[in-house]
Amino acid sequence: MSAIDNTPVNKNFLSPLNFKFSIKRSPHVNFFIQKVNIPSINLVSPNYPNPFVKAPIPGEHLDYGTLEITYKVDEDLQNYLEVHNWIKALGKPKDFSEYKEIQDKKSWTGDGIYSDISVMVLSSTKMANYEVVYIDAHPISLSGIVFNTTDPDVNYIEASAVFKYTYYDISKI
């Protein structure tokens, strides 16, 4: 693209339907995923004082937003319990052995404290275009389940989970 002709080569918009989600530690969540976000990224910018104005300078630490997902819950609660039991083991509500059990698992199995999460962004032709990989993710929140007999239609139950991670990388496929 030259400076004279600034027409983009690809004129397709990014569709909110074109993604694939994968979390090694909770494989049953992958199929039922409804929503996922690519979180914000912020560079904290300190001020450099001078006699006239506080001038901002680039910081050196990144602040990543949370990864939030929403998924349909299967009738066996399998996908809900995968995240529930993971977060419960991290919180060790009964004794330290719950955390020790999850801590002793090898990281490459995906069953330990952390698990990498991947979001594949697809093109308009449903081909993999970009991959967003969240490194060392762990859940920090899981929504409750609400049963409701007053709805006029059957609205299948959804759950939401929030994850923290060390950082994420976006790479072209």
N, C-alpha and C. Protein backbone atom coordinates (compact mmCIF):
# COMPACT_ATOMS: atom_id res chain seq x y z
N MET A 1 0.85 -1.17 0.00
CA MET A 1 0.00 0.00 0.00
C MET A 1 0.90 1.23 0.00
N SER A 2 0.67 2.11 -0.93
CA SER A 2 1.47 3.33 -1.02
C SER A 2 0.83 4.44 -0.21
N ALA A 3 1.54 5.54 -0.07
CA ALA A 3 1.02 6.69 0.66
C ALA A 3 -0.15 7.33 -0.09
N ILE A 4 -0.18 7.19 -1.40
CA ILE A 4 -1.25 7.78 -2.21
C ILE A 4 -2.52 6.94 -2.12
N ASP A 5 -2.36 5.62 -2.20
CA ASP A 5 -3.50 4.71 -2.16
C ASP A 5 -3.54 4.03 -0.80
N ASN A 6 -4.40 4.49 0.08
CA ASN A 6 -4.47 3.89 1.42
C ASN A 6 -5.67 2.96 1.57
N THR A 7 -6.15 2.39 0.46
CA THR A 7 -7.24 1.43 0.50
C THR A 7 -6.73 0.12 1.08
N PRO A 8 -7.39 -0.41 2.11
CA PRO A 8 -6.92 -1.67 2.70
C PRO A 8 -7.06 -2.84 1.71
N VAL A 9 -6.16 -3.80 1.83
CA VAL A 9 -6.21 -4.98 0.97
C VAL A 9 -7.40 -5.86 1.36
N ASN A 10 -7.59 -6.10 2.64
CA ASN A 10 -8.70 -6.92 3.12
C ASN A 10 -9.79 -5.99 3.65
N LYS A 11 -10.94 -6.01 3.02
CA LYS A 11 -12.04 -5.11 3.41
C LYS A 11 -13.11 -5.82 4.24
N ASN A 12 -12.83 -7.03 4.71
CA ASN A 12 -13.80 -7.77 5.53
C ASN A 12 -13.69 -7.33 6.99
N PHE A 13 -14.85 -7.21 7.64
CA PHE A 13 -14.87 -6.90 9.06
C PHE A 13 -14.70 -8.17 9.87
N LEU A 14 -14.20 -8.02 11.08
CA LEU A 14 -14.04 -9.15 11.99
C LEU A 14 -15.41 -9.54 12.54
N SER A 15 -15.77 -10.79 12.41
CA SER A 15 -17.08 -11.28 12.88
C SER A 15 -16.97 -11.76 14.32
N PRO A 16 -17.97 -11.45 15.16
CA PRO A 16 -17.94 -11.94 16.54
C PRO A 16 -18.24 -13.44 16.64
N LEU A 17 -18.59 -14.07 15.53
CA LEU A 17 -18.89 -15.50 15.53
C LEU A 17 -17.68 -16.37 15.18
N ASN A 18 -16.64 -15.75 14.66
CA ASN A 18 -15.51 -16.51 14.11
C ASN A 18 -14.38 -16.68 15.12
N PHE A 19 -14.55 -17.63 16.03
CA PHE A 19 -13.49 -17.94 16.98
C PHE A 19 -13.61 -19.39 17.44
N LYS A 20 -12.51 -19.92 17.93
CA LYS A 20 -12.46 -21.23 18.58
C LYS A 20 -11.75 -21.04 19.90
N PHE A 21 -12.27 -21.67 20.93
CA PHE A 21 -11.73 -21.54 22.28
C PHE A 21 -11.19 -22.89 22.73
N SER A 22 -10.08 -22.85 23.45
CA SER A 22 -9.50 -24.10 23.93
C SER A 22 -8.80 -23.87 25.26
N ILE A 23 -9.17 -24.68 26.23
CA ILE A 23 -8.49 -24.67 27.52
C ILE A 23 -8.19 -26.13 27.88
N LYS A 24 -6.92 -26.44 28.03
CA LYS A 24 -6.49 -27.82 28.21
C LYS A 24 -7.07 -28.45 29.47
N ARG A 25 -7.16 -27.69 30.53
CA ARG A 25 -7.59 -28.24 31.81
C ARG A 25 -9.09 -28.48 31.88
N SER A 26 -9.86 -27.83 31.04
CA SER A 26 -11.32 -27.96 31.06
C SER A 26 -11.84 -28.22 29.65
N PRO A 27 -11.60 -29.40 29.10
CA PRO A 27 -11.95 -29.66 27.70
C PRO A 27 -13.45 -29.62 27.41
N HIS A 28 -14.29 -29.89 28.38
CA HIS A 28 -15.74 -29.88 28.13
C HIS A 28 -16.31 -28.47 28.03
N VAL A 29 -15.57 -27.48 28.49
CA VAL A 29 -15.99 -26.08 28.33
C VAL A 29 -15.84 -25.66 26.87
N ASN A 30 -14.83 -26.18 26.19
CA ASN A 30 -14.50 -25.76 24.82
C ASN A 30 -15.68 -25.84 23.87
N PHE A 31 -16.43 -26.93 23.90
CA PHE A 31 -17.52 -27.14 22.96
C PHE A 31 -18.70 -26.19 23.19
N PHE A 32 -18.95 -25.82 24.43
CA PHE A 32 -20.14 -25.06 24.79
C PHE A 32 -19.90 -23.55 24.93
N ILE A 33 -18.73 -23.09 24.55
CA ILE A 33 -18.39 -21.67 24.74
C ILE A 33 -19.32 -20.77 23.94
N GLN A 34 -19.79 -19.70 24.55
CA GLN A 34 -20.68 -18.73 23.92
C GLN A 34 -20.01 -17.38 23.70
N LYS A 35 -19.24 -16.94 24.70
CA LYS A 35 -18.59 -15.63 24.63
C LYS A 35 -17.19 -15.72 25.21
N VAL A 36 -16.28 -14.95 24.63
CA VAL A 36 -14.93 -14.81 25.17
C VAL A 36 -14.44 -13.43 24.75
N ASN A 37 -13.61 -12.84 25.57
CA ASN A 37 -13.07 -11.52 25.23
C ASN A 37 -11.57 -11.57 25.07
N ILE A 38 -11.03 -10.63 24.31
CA ILE A 38 -9.59 -10.38 24.33
C ILE A 38 -9.44 -9.18 25.27
N PRO A 39 -8.83 -9.39 26.43
CA PRO A 39 -8.80 -8.35 27.45
C PRO A 39 -7.98 -7.12 27.07
N SER A 40 -8.20 -6.10 27.84
CA SER A 40 -7.44 -4.86 27.65
C SER A 40 -5.99 -5.06 28.08
N ILE A 41 -5.15 -4.17 27.61
CA ILE A 41 -3.75 -4.14 28.02
C ILE A 41 -3.41 -2.68 28.27
N ASN A 42 -2.81 -2.40 29.42
CA ASN A 42 -2.49 -1.02 29.80
C ASN A 42 -1.02 -0.92 30.20
N LEU A 43 -0.42 0.17 29.82
CA LEU A 43 0.94 0.48 30.24
C LEU A 43 0.84 1.63 31.24
N VAL A 44 1.12 1.33 32.49
CA VAL A 44 1.04 2.34 33.53
C VAL A 44 2.11 3.40 33.25
N SER A 45 1.69 4.64 33.22
CA SER A 45 2.56 5.73 32.80
C SER A 45 2.82 6.70 33.96
N PRO A 46 4.01 6.61 34.56
CA PRO A 46 4.31 7.55 35.65
C PRO A 46 4.58 8.96 35.09
N ASN A 47 4.52 9.93 35.96
CA ASN A 47 4.78 11.32 35.56
C ASN A 47 6.19 11.73 35.93
N TYR A 48 6.81 12.49 35.05
CA TYR A 48 8.14 13.04 35.28
C TYR A 48 7.95 14.51 35.66
N PRO A 49 8.21 14.87 36.91
CA PRO A 49 7.96 16.25 37.32
C PRO A 49 8.99 17.23 36.74
N ASN A 50 8.50 18.40 36.38
CA ASN A 50 9.37 19.51 36.01
C ASN A 50 8.71 20.78 36.56
N PRO A 51 9.31 21.93 36.44
CA PRO A 51 8.74 23.14 37.05
C PRO A 51 7.38 23.56 36.48
N PHE A 52 7.02 23.08 35.29
CA PHE A 52 5.81 23.59 34.65
C PHE A 52 4.65 22.60 34.63
N VAL A 53 4.91 21.39 34.25
CA VAL A 53 3.84 20.41 34.09
C VAL A 53 4.39 19.02 34.39
N LYS A 54 3.53 18.13 34.84
CA LYS A 54 3.94 16.74 35.04
C LYS A 54 3.87 16.05 33.69
N ALA A 55 5.00 15.70 33.15
CA ALA A 55 5.06 15.07 31.83
C ALA A 55 5.02 13.55 31.97
N PRO A 56 4.07 12.90 31.29
CA PRO A 56 4.01 11.42 31.38
C PRO A 56 5.15 10.79 30.57
N ILE A 57 5.69 9.72 31.12
CA ILE A 57 6.72 8.95 30.42
C ILE A 57 6.24 7.51 30.33
N PRO A 58 6.70 6.76 29.33
CA PRO A 58 6.28 5.36 29.23
C PRO A 58 6.69 4.56 30.45
N GLY A 59 5.78 3.75 30.92
CA GLY A 59 6.07 2.92 32.09
C GLY A 59 6.83 1.67 31.70
N GLU A 60 7.01 0.79 32.67
CA GLU A 60 7.74 -0.45 32.39
C GLU A 60 6.98 -1.70 32.80
N HIS A 61 5.75 -1.53 33.28
CA HIS A 61 4.94 -2.69 33.69
C HIS A 61 3.60 -2.67 32.98
N LEU A 62 3.23 -3.82 32.42
CA LEU A 62 1.94 -3.95 31.76
C LEU A 62 0.90 -4.42 32.75
N ASP A 63 -0.31 -3.96 32.56
CA ASP A 63 -1.44 -4.37 33.38
C ASP A 63 -2.48 -4.98 32.44
N TYR A 64 -2.70 -6.29 32.57
CA TYR A 64 -3.63 -7.00 31.70
C TYR A 64 -5.00 -7.10 32.35
N GLY A 65 -6.05 -6.92 31.56
CA GLY A 65 -7.42 -7.11 32.04
C GLY A 65 -7.69 -8.59 32.24
N THR A 66 -8.88 -8.91 32.73
CA THR A 66 -9.24 -10.30 32.98
C THR A 66 -9.84 -10.94 31.73
N LEU A 67 -9.64 -12.23 31.61
CA LEU A 67 -10.24 -13.02 30.54
C LEU A 67 -11.59 -13.52 31.06
N GLU A 68 -12.64 -13.22 30.33
CA GLU A 68 -13.99 -13.60 30.76
C GLU A 68 -14.63 -14.47 29.70
N ILE A 69 -15.21 -15.59 30.14
CA ILE A 69 -15.90 -16.48 29.22
C ILE A 69 -17.32 -16.75 29.72
N THR A 70 -18.20 -17.07 28.78
CA THR A 70 -19.55 -17.51 29.09
C THR A 70 -19.79 -18.78 28.28
N TYR A 71 -20.36 -19.79 28.93
CA TYR A 71 -20.62 -21.05 28.23
C TYR A 71 -21.93 -21.66 28.72
N LYS A 72 -22.54 -22.47 27.85
CA LYS A 72 -23.74 -23.22 28.21
C LYS A 72 -23.31 -24.38 29.10
N VAL A 73 -24.10 -24.67 30.11
CA VAL A 73 -23.80 -25.76 31.04
C VAL A 73 -24.49 -27.03 30.54
N ASP A 74 -23.73 -28.13 30.44
CA ASP A 74 -24.33 -29.39 30.01
C ASP A 74 -25.12 -30.01 31.16
N GLU A 75 -26.05 -30.90 30.83
CA GLU A 75 -26.96 -31.41 31.86
C GLU A 75 -26.28 -32.31 32.89
N ASP A 76 -25.09 -32.81 32.60
CA ASP A 76 -24.34 -33.58 33.59
C ASP A 76 -23.44 -32.69 34.45
N LEU A 77 -23.49 -31.37 34.22
CA LEU A 77 -22.66 -30.39 34.92
C LEU A 77 -21.17 -30.65 34.74
N GLN A 78 -20.80 -31.39 33.72
CA GLN A 78 -19.41 -31.76 33.53
C GLN A 78 -18.52 -30.53 33.31
N ASN A 79 -18.95 -29.62 32.41
CA ASN A 79 -18.11 -28.45 32.14
C ASN A 79 -18.13 -27.47 33.31
N TYR A 80 -19.24 -27.37 34.01
CA TYR A 80 -19.31 -26.49 35.18
C TYR A 80 -18.37 -27.01 36.28
N LEU A 81 -18.41 -28.31 36.52
CA LEU A 81 -17.60 -28.89 37.59
C LEU A 81 -16.10 -28.85 37.29
N GLU A 82 -15.73 -28.86 36.00
CA GLU A 82 -14.31 -28.74 35.67
C GLU A 82 -13.73 -27.43 36.22
N VAL A 83 -14.43 -26.34 35.98
CA VAL A 83 -13.96 -25.04 36.48
C VAL A 83 -14.19 -24.94 37.99
N HIS A 84 -15.32 -25.42 38.46
CA HIS A 84 -15.66 -25.38 39.89
C HIS A 84 -14.60 -26.11 40.72
N ASN A 85 -14.26 -27.32 40.32
CA ASN A 85 -13.29 -28.11 41.10
C ASN A 85 -11.89 -27.51 41.02
N TRP A 86 -11.56 -26.89 39.89
CA TRP A 86 -10.26 -26.23 39.73
C TRP A 86 -10.15 -25.06 40.70
N ILE A 87 -11.16 -24.20 40.70
CA ILE A 87 -11.12 -23.02 41.57
C ILE A 87 -11.22 -23.42 43.04
N LYS A 88 -11.96 -24.49 43.31
CA LYS A 88 -12.08 -24.98 44.69
C LYS A 88 -10.74 -25.51 45.19
N ALA A 89 -10.01 -26.23 44.36
CA ALA A 89 -8.71 -26.75 44.75
C ALA A 89 -7.72 -25.61 45.01
N LEU A 90 -7.81 -24.53 44.22
CA LEU A 90 -6.92 -23.39 44.44
C LEU A 90 -7.24 -22.68 45.75
N GLY A 91 -8.51 -22.69 46.14
CA GLY A 91 -8.91 -22.00 47.37
C GLY A 91 -8.76 -22.84 48.62
N LYS A 92 -8.49 -24.13 48.47
CA LYS A 92 -8.30 -25.08 49.57
C LYS A 92 -9.26 -24.87 50.75
N PRO A 93 -10.58 -25.09 50.53
CA PRO A 93 -11.54 -24.80 51.60
C PRO A 93 -11.50 -25.75 52.79
N LYS A 94 -11.03 -26.98 52.60
CA LYS A 94 -11.05 -27.94 53.71
C LYS A 94 -9.68 -28.09 54.37
N ASP A 95 -8.66 -28.36 53.54
CA ASP A 95 -7.32 -28.50 54.08
C ASP A 95 -6.28 -28.29 52.97
N PHE A 96 -5.03 -28.28 53.35
CA PHE A 96 -3.95 -27.99 52.41
C PHE A 96 -3.75 -29.10 51.38
N SER A 97 -4.27 -30.30 51.64
CA SER A 97 -4.05 -31.42 50.72
C SER A 97 -4.72 -31.17 49.37
N GLU A 98 -5.81 -30.41 49.36
CA GLU A 98 -6.49 -30.10 48.10
C GLU A 98 -5.56 -29.31 47.17
N TYR A 99 -4.88 -28.33 47.71
CA TYR A 99 -3.95 -27.53 46.93
C TYR A 99 -2.71 -28.35 46.56
N LYS A 100 -2.22 -29.16 47.50
CA LYS A 100 -1.03 -29.98 47.24
C LYS A 100 -1.28 -30.93 46.09
N GLU A 101 -2.48 -31.49 46.01
CA GLU A 101 -2.80 -32.43 44.94
C GLU A 101 -2.72 -31.76 43.57
N ILE A 102 -3.24 -30.56 43.47
CA ILE A 102 -3.20 -29.84 42.19
C ILE A 102 -1.79 -29.29 41.92
N GLN A 103 -1.05 -28.96 42.97
CA GLN A 103 0.30 -28.42 42.83
C GLN A 103 1.27 -29.49 42.32
N ASP A 104 1.05 -30.74 42.68
CA ASP A 104 1.95 -31.83 42.30
C ASP A 104 1.79 -32.28 40.86
N LYS A 105 0.73 -31.86 40.19
CA LYS A 105 0.52 -32.25 38.79
C LYS A 105 1.51 -31.51 37.91
N LYS A 106 2.01 -32.19 36.91
CA LYS A 106 2.96 -31.59 35.96
C LYS A 106 2.25 -30.54 35.12
N SER A 107 2.92 -29.43 34.83
CA SER A 107 2.30 -28.33 34.09
C SER A 107 1.94 -28.72 32.67
N TRP A 108 2.71 -29.60 32.04
CA TRP A 108 2.43 -29.96 30.65
C TRP A 108 1.18 -30.82 30.51
N THR A 109 0.68 -31.41 31.60
CA THR A 109 -0.54 -32.22 31.51
C THR A 109 -1.77 -31.33 31.42
N GLY A 110 -1.64 -30.07 31.86
CA GLY A 110 -2.79 -29.17 31.88
C GLY A 110 -3.66 -29.36 33.10
N ASP A 111 -3.27 -30.23 34.04
CA ASP A 111 -4.09 -30.50 35.22
C ASP A 111 -3.56 -29.85 36.49
N GLY A 112 -2.55 -29.00 36.36
CA GLY A 112 -1.95 -28.38 37.53
C GLY A 112 -2.66 -27.10 37.93
N ILE A 113 -1.94 -26.25 38.61
CA ILE A 113 -2.48 -24.98 39.08
C ILE A 113 -2.86 -24.10 37.89
N TYR A 114 -2.00 -24.07 36.89
CA TYR A 114 -2.21 -23.21 35.72
C TYR A 114 -2.52 -24.04 34.49
N SER A 115 -3.14 -23.40 33.54
CA SER A 115 -3.38 -24.00 32.24
C SER A 115 -3.35 -22.90 31.19
N ASP A 116 -2.70 -23.15 30.08
CA ASP A 116 -2.74 -22.17 29.00
C ASP A 116 -4.10 -22.22 28.32
N ILE A 117 -4.55 -21.07 27.88
CA ILE A 117 -5.83 -20.95 27.19
C ILE A 117 -5.55 -20.37 25.82
N SER A 118 -6.25 -20.86 24.82
CA SER A 118 -6.05 -20.40 23.45
C SER A 118 -7.38 -19.96 22.83
N VAL A 119 -7.35 -18.82 22.16
CA VAL A 119 -8.48 -18.35 21.37
C VAL A 119 -7.98 -18.19 19.95
N MET A 120 -8.58 -18.94 19.05
CA MET A 120 -8.23 -18.87 17.64
C MET A 120 -9.22 -17.92 16.97
N VAL A 121 -8.71 -16.84 16.38
CA VAL A 121 -9.54 -15.88 15.66
C VAL A 121 -9.58 -16.33 14.20
N LEU A 122 -10.79 -16.54 13.68
CA LEU A 122 -10.95 -17.07 12.33
C LEU A 122 -11.25 -15.95 11.35
N SER A 123 -10.86 -16.17 10.11
CA SER A 123 -11.16 -15.20 9.04
C SER A 123 -12.60 -15.36 8.58
N SER A 124 -13.01 -14.55 7.62
CA SER A 124 -14.37 -14.63 7.10
C SER A 124 -14.62 -15.94 6.37
N THR A 125 -13.56 -16.65 6.01
CA THR A 125 -13.70 -17.97 5.36
C THR A 125 -13.53 -19.10 6.37
N LYS A 126 -13.57 -18.78 7.66
CA LYS A 126 -13.47 -19.72 8.77
C LYS A 126 -12.11 -20.42 8.86
N MET A 127 -11.08 -19.77 8.36
CA MET A 127 -9.72 -20.28 8.46
C MET A 127 -9.02 -19.57 9.63
N ALA A 128 -8.14 -20.29 10.32
CA ALA A 128 -7.40 -19.70 11.43
C ALA A 128 -6.58 -18.52 10.93
N ASN A 129 -6.73 -17.39 11.59
CA ASN A 129 -6.04 -16.18 11.17
C ASN A 129 -5.05 -15.71 12.23
N TYR A 130 -5.50 -15.65 13.48
CA TYR A 130 -4.65 -15.26 14.61
C TYR A 130 -4.92 -16.21 15.77
N GLU A 131 -3.91 -16.37 16.62
CA GLU A 131 -4.09 -17.13 17.84
C GLU A 131 -3.69 -16.25 19.01
N VAL A 132 -4.55 -16.21 20.01
CA VAL A 132 -4.27 -15.50 21.25
C VAL A 132 -4.05 -16.57 22.32
N VAL A 133 -2.86 -16.59 22.90
CA VAL A 133 -2.53 -17.59 23.92
C VAL A 133 -2.33 -16.89 25.25
N TYR A 134 -3.09 -17.32 26.24
CA TYR A 134 -3.01 -16.78 27.61
C TYR A 134 -2.12 -17.74 28.40
N ILE A 135 -1.02 -17.24 28.89
CA ILE A 135 -0.01 -18.05 29.56
C ILE A 135 -0.30 -18.13 31.06
N ASP A 136 -0.24 -19.35 31.59
CA ASP A 136 -0.41 -19.62 33.02
C ASP A 136 -1.71 -19.03 33.57
N ALA A 137 -2.82 -19.40 32.96
CA ALA A 137 -4.13 -18.90 33.40
C ALA A 137 -4.66 -19.74 34.57
N HIS A 138 -5.45 -19.10 35.40
CA HIS A 138 -6.16 -19.79 36.49
C HIS A 138 -7.46 -19.04 36.76
N PRO A 139 -8.51 -19.76 37.17
CA PRO A 139 -9.79 -19.10 37.41
C PRO A 139 -9.78 -18.32 38.72
N ILE A 140 -10.47 -17.18 38.70
CA ILE A 140 -10.62 -16.40 39.94
C ILE A 140 -12.09 -16.23 40.30
N SER A 141 -12.98 -16.58 39.36
CA SER A 141 -14.40 -16.41 39.64
C SER A 141 -15.21 -17.35 38.76
N LEU A 142 -16.28 -17.90 39.32
CA LEU A 142 -17.23 -18.74 38.59
C LEU A 142 -18.62 -18.35 39.04
N SER A 143 -19.49 -18.08 38.08
CA SER A 143 -20.85 -17.66 38.43
C SER A 143 -21.64 -18.82 39.03
N GLY A 144 -22.73 -18.47 39.66
CA GLY A 144 -23.63 -19.48 40.18
C GLY A 144 -24.56 -19.98 39.07
N ILE A 145 -25.38 -20.94 39.41
CA ILE A 145 -26.37 -21.48 38.47
C ILE A 145 -27.75 -21.11 39.00
N VAL A 146 -28.58 -20.56 38.11
CA VAL A 146 -29.93 -20.15 38.51
C VAL A 146 -30.95 -20.98 37.74
N PHE A 147 -31.81 -21.70 38.47
CA PHE A 147 -32.92 -22.41 37.85
C PHE A 147 -34.14 -21.49 37.95
N ASN A 148 -34.94 -21.41 36.87
CA ASN A 148 -36.04 -20.46 36.83
C ASN A 148 -37.21 -21.08 36.07
N THR A 149 -38.33 -21.27 36.75
CA THR A 149 -39.51 -21.84 36.10
C THR A 149 -40.46 -20.80 35.55
N THR A 150 -40.13 -19.51 35.73
CA THR A 150 -41.05 -18.46 35.27
C THR A 150 -40.78 -17.98 33.86
N ASP A 151 -39.71 -18.42 33.22
CA ASP A 151 -39.43 -18.02 31.85
C ASP A 151 -40.44 -18.65 30.90
N PRO A 152 -40.98 -17.87 29.94
CA PRO A 152 -41.95 -18.43 28.99
C PRO A 152 -41.30 -19.42 28.01
N ASP A 153 -40.01 -19.28 27.75
CA ASP A 153 -39.28 -20.19 26.88
C ASP A 153 -38.19 -20.88 27.68
N VAL A 154 -37.66 -21.95 27.12
CA VAL A 154 -36.54 -22.64 27.76
C VAL A 154 -35.26 -21.88 27.44
N ASN A 155 -34.70 -21.25 28.45
CA ASN A 155 -33.42 -20.58 28.32
C ASN A 155 -32.39 -21.45 29.03
N TYR A 156 -31.58 -22.14 28.24
CA TYR A 156 -30.63 -23.06 28.83
C TYR A 156 -29.62 -22.31 29.70
N ILE A 157 -29.18 -22.98 30.72
CA ILE A 157 -28.35 -22.35 31.74
C ILE A 157 -26.94 -22.06 31.21
N GLU A 158 -26.48 -20.86 31.53
CA GLU A 158 -25.13 -20.42 31.19
C GLU A 158 -24.35 -20.18 32.46
N ALA A 159 -23.05 -20.33 32.36
CA ALA A 159 -22.15 -19.99 33.45
C ALA A 159 -21.07 -19.06 32.91
N SER A 160 -20.55 -18.23 33.77
CA SER A 160 -19.46 -17.32 33.40
C SER A 160 -18.27 -17.58 34.31
N ALA A 161 -17.10 -17.52 33.74
CA ALA A 161 -15.87 -17.69 34.52
C ALA A 161 -14.91 -16.55 34.17
N VAL A 162 -14.14 -16.15 35.15
CA VAL A 162 -13.15 -15.09 34.97
C VAL A 162 -11.78 -15.69 35.29
N PHE A 163 -10.80 -15.38 34.44
CA PHE A 163 -9.46 -15.91 34.59
C PHE A 163 -8.43 -14.79 34.67
N LYS A 164 -7.40 -15.02 35.46
CA LYS A 164 -6.19 -14.20 35.47
C LYS A 164 -5.09 -15.03 34.82
N TYR A 165 -4.07 -14.37 34.33
CA TYR A 165 -2.99 -15.03 33.61
C TYR A 165 -1.76 -14.15 33.72
N THR A 166 -0.61 -14.68 33.36
CA THR A 166 0.63 -13.91 33.44
C THR A 166 0.68 -12.86 32.33
N TYR A 167 0.45 -13.30 31.10
CA TYR A 167 0.42 -12.39 29.95
C TYR A 167 -0.24 -13.13 28.80
N TYR A 168 -0.50 -12.42 27.71
CA TYR A 168 -0.98 -13.10 26.51
C TYR A 168 -0.20 -12.64 25.29
N ASP A 169 -0.13 -13.53 24.30
CA ASP A 169 0.54 -13.26 23.03
C ASP A 169 -0.47 -13.40 21.91
N ILE A 170 -0.40 -12.52 20.94
CA ILE A 170 -1.22 -12.60 19.74
C ILE A 170 -0.28 -12.85 18.58
N SER A 171 -0.51 -13.95 17.85
CA SER A 171 0.38 -14.27 16.73
C SER A 171 -0.43 -14.62 15.49
N LYS A 172 0.10 -14.24 14.35
CA LYS A 172 -0.51 -14.54 13.05
C LYS A 172 -0.27 -16.00 12.74
N ILE A 173 -1.30 -16.66 12.23
CA ILE A 173 -1.17 -18.09 11.87
C ILE A 173 -0.76 -18.19 10.41
